[in-house]
C-alpha atoms as a PDB file:
ATOM      1  CA  MET A   1      12.167 -16.556-162.419  1.00  0.00           C
ATOM      2  CA  LYS A   2      15.094 -17.303-160.115  1.00  0.00           C
ATOM      3  CA  ARG A   3      17.224 -14.499-158.755  1.00  0.00           C
ATOM      4  CA  ARG A   4      20.934 -15.142-158.853  1.00  0.00           C
ATOM      5  CA  PRO A   5      22.924 -14.420-155.707  1.00  0.00           C
ATOM      6  CA  ARG A   6      24.952 -11.236-155.977  1.00  0.00           C
ATOM      7  CA  LEU A   7      27.621  -9.660-153.831  1.00  0.00           C
ATOM      8  CA  LEU A   8      26.809  -6.466-152.019  1.00  0.00           C
ATOM      9  CA  PRO A   9      28.082  -3.339-153.779  1.00  0.00           C
ATOM     10  CA  ASP A  10      30.456  -2.549-150.877  1.00  0.00           C
ATOM     11  CA  TRP A  11      31.638  -6.119-150.239  1.00  0.00           C
ATOM     12  CA  ARG A  12      35.309  -5.062-150.115  1.00  0.00           C
ATOM     13  CA  ASP A  13      34.569  -2.589-147.314  1.00  0.00           C
ATOM     14  CA  ILE A  14      32.569  -5.227-145.479  1.00  0.00           C
ATOM     15  CA  LEU A  15      35.489  -7.666-145.677  1.00  0.00           C
ATOM     16  CA  ARG A  16      37.793  -5.038-144.161  1.00  0.00           C
ATOM     17  CA  ARG A  17      35.507  -3.866-141.369  1.00  0.00           C
ATOM     18  CA  ALA A  18      33.115  -6.636-140.310  1.00  0.00           C
ATOM     19  CA  TRP A  19      34.089  -8.202-136.993  1.00  0.00           C
ATOM     20  CA  SER A  20      31.702 -11.063-137.648  1.00  0.00           C
ATOM     21  CA  LEU A  21      33.762 -12.172-140.633  1.00  0.00           C
ATOM     22  CA  ARG A  22      36.987 -11.929-138.643  1.00  0.00           C
ATOM     23  CA  LEU A  23      35.495 -14.098-135.933  1.00  0.00           C
ATOM     24  CA  ILE A  24      34.208 -16.624-138.464  1.00  0.00           C
ATOM     25  CA  LEU A  25      37.712 -16.847-139.946  1.00  0.00           C
ATOM     26  CA  LEU A  26      39.134 -17.340-136.449  1.00  0.00           C
ATOM     27  CA  ALA A  27      36.592 -20.114-135.820  1.00  0.00           C
ATOM     28  CA  GLY A  28      37.662 -21.780-139.072  1.00  0.00           C
ATOM     29  CA  LEU A  29      41.307 -21.556-138.050  1.00  0.00           C
ATOM     30  CA  LEU A  30      40.530 -23.039-134.629  1.00  0.00           C
ATOM     31  CA  THR A  31      38.546 -25.860-136.247  1.00  0.00           C
ATOM     32  CA  GLY A  32      41.463 -26.623-138.562  1.00  0.00           C
ATOM     33  CA  CYS A  33      43.870 -26.640-135.627  1.00  0.00           C
ATOM     34  CA  GLU A  34      41.563 -28.981-133.735  1.00  0.00           C
ATOM     35  CA  ALA A  35      41.464 -31.365-136.698  1.00  0.00           C
ATOM     36  CA  VAL A  36      45.263 -31.410-136.979  1.00  0.00           C
ATOM     37  CA  LEU A  37      45.705 -31.844-133.246  1.00  0.00           C
ATOM     38  CA  SER A  38      43.171 -34.678-133.174  1.00  0.00           C
ATOM     39  CA  ALA A  39      45.071 -36.468-135.936  1.00  0.00           C
ATOM     40  CA  MET A  40      48.354 -36.083-134.020  1.00  0.00           C
ATOM     41  CA  GLY A  41      46.900 -37.099-130.663  1.00  0.00           C
ATOM     42  CA  THR A  42      45.852 -34.679-127.960  1.00  0.00           C
ATOM     43  CA  GLU A  43      47.070 -36.451-124.828  1.00  0.00           C
ATOM     44  CA  TRP A  44      49.976 -34.016-124.454  1.00  0.00           C
ATOM     45  CA  LEU A  45      47.785 -30.881-124.541  1.00  0.00           C
ATOM     46  CA  PRO A  46      47.082 -29.259-121.165  1.00  0.00           C
ATOM     47  CA  VAL A  47      43.615 -28.116-122.365  1.00  0.00           C
ATOM     48  CA  PRO A  48      40.833 -30.740-122.315  1.00  0.00           C
ATOM     49  CA  VAL A  49      38.687 -31.350-125.396  1.00  0.00           C
ATOM     50  CA  TRP A  50      35.565 -29.878-123.776  1.00  0.00           C
ATOM     51  CA  ALA A  51      37.426 -26.601-123.085  1.00  0.00           C
ATOM     52  CA  ARG A  52      38.560 -26.332-126.715  1.00  0.00           C
ATOM     53  CA  MET A  53      34.975 -26.873-127.857  1.00  0.00           C
ATOM     54  CA  VAL A  54      33.732 -24.199-125.426  1.00  0.00           C
ATOM     55  CA  ILE A  55      36.297 -21.746-126.849  1.00  0.00           C
ATOM     56  CA  LEU A  56      35.209 -22.532-130.417  1.00  0.00           C
ATOM     57  CA  PHE A  57      31.520 -22.213-129.485  1.00  0.00           C
ATOM     58  CA  GLY A  58      32.269 -18.872-127.805  1.00  0.00           C
ATOM     59  CA  VAL A  59      33.987 -17.529-130.926  1.00  0.00           C
ATOM     60  CA  LEU A  60      31.097 -18.657-133.132  1.00  0.00           C
ATOM     61  CA  GLY A  61      28.580 -17.134-130.719  1.00  0.00           C
ATOM     62  CA  ALA A  62      30.502 -13.855-130.762  1.00  0.00           C
ATOM     63  CA  ALA A  63      30.483 -13.927-134.581  1.00  0.00           C
ATOM     64  CA  PHE A  64      26.717 -14.420-134.561  1.00  0.00           C
ATOM     65  CA  VAL A  65      26.195 -11.496-132.190  1.00  0.00           C
ATOM     66  CA  ALA A  66      28.653  -9.291-134.117  1.00  0.00           C
ATOM     67  CA  ARG A  67      26.789  -9.993-137.353  1.00  0.00           C
ATOM     68  CA  LEU A  68      23.556  -8.697-135.836  1.00  0.00           C
ATOM     69  CA  MET A  69      25.101  -5.556-134.337  1.00  0.00           C
ATOM     70  CA  ALA A  70      25.479  -2.313-136.255  1.00  0.00           C
ATOM     71  CA  GLN A  71      29.165  -1.630-136.768  1.00  0.00           C
ATOM     72  CA  LYS A  72      30.594   1.846-137.266  1.00  0.00           C
ATOM     73  CA  ASP A  73      32.643   2.692-140.342  1.00  0.00           C
ATOM     74  CA  ASP A  74      35.667   5.021-140.352  1.00  0.00           C
ATOM     75  CA  ASP A  75      33.420   8.091-140.440  1.00  0.00           C
ATOM     76  CA  GLY A  76      31.533   7.033-137.319  1.00  0.00           C
ATOM     77  CA  HIS A  77      28.360   6.111-139.183  1.00  0.00           C
ATOM     78  CA  HIS A  78      26.615   2.840-138.547  1.00  0.00           C
ATOM     79  CA  GLY A  79      26.766   0.494-141.492  1.00  0.00           C
END
């Protein structure tokens, strides 16, 4: 019997507090900006393509690390 995926009971709190999700959203925003800039042409940008990719990789790496770390809630407890 297959188990259906379910949201965690405190998913709203997780959305508000989890740094990993904030960093993943930032990575998505940076990826979208990169796509738009690539379509417009990037010759005028002072930042080379490799540097933009390093920044994006750094944000994704930080999100990965943040997801594995215990994060404190408002009461100071690890969640």
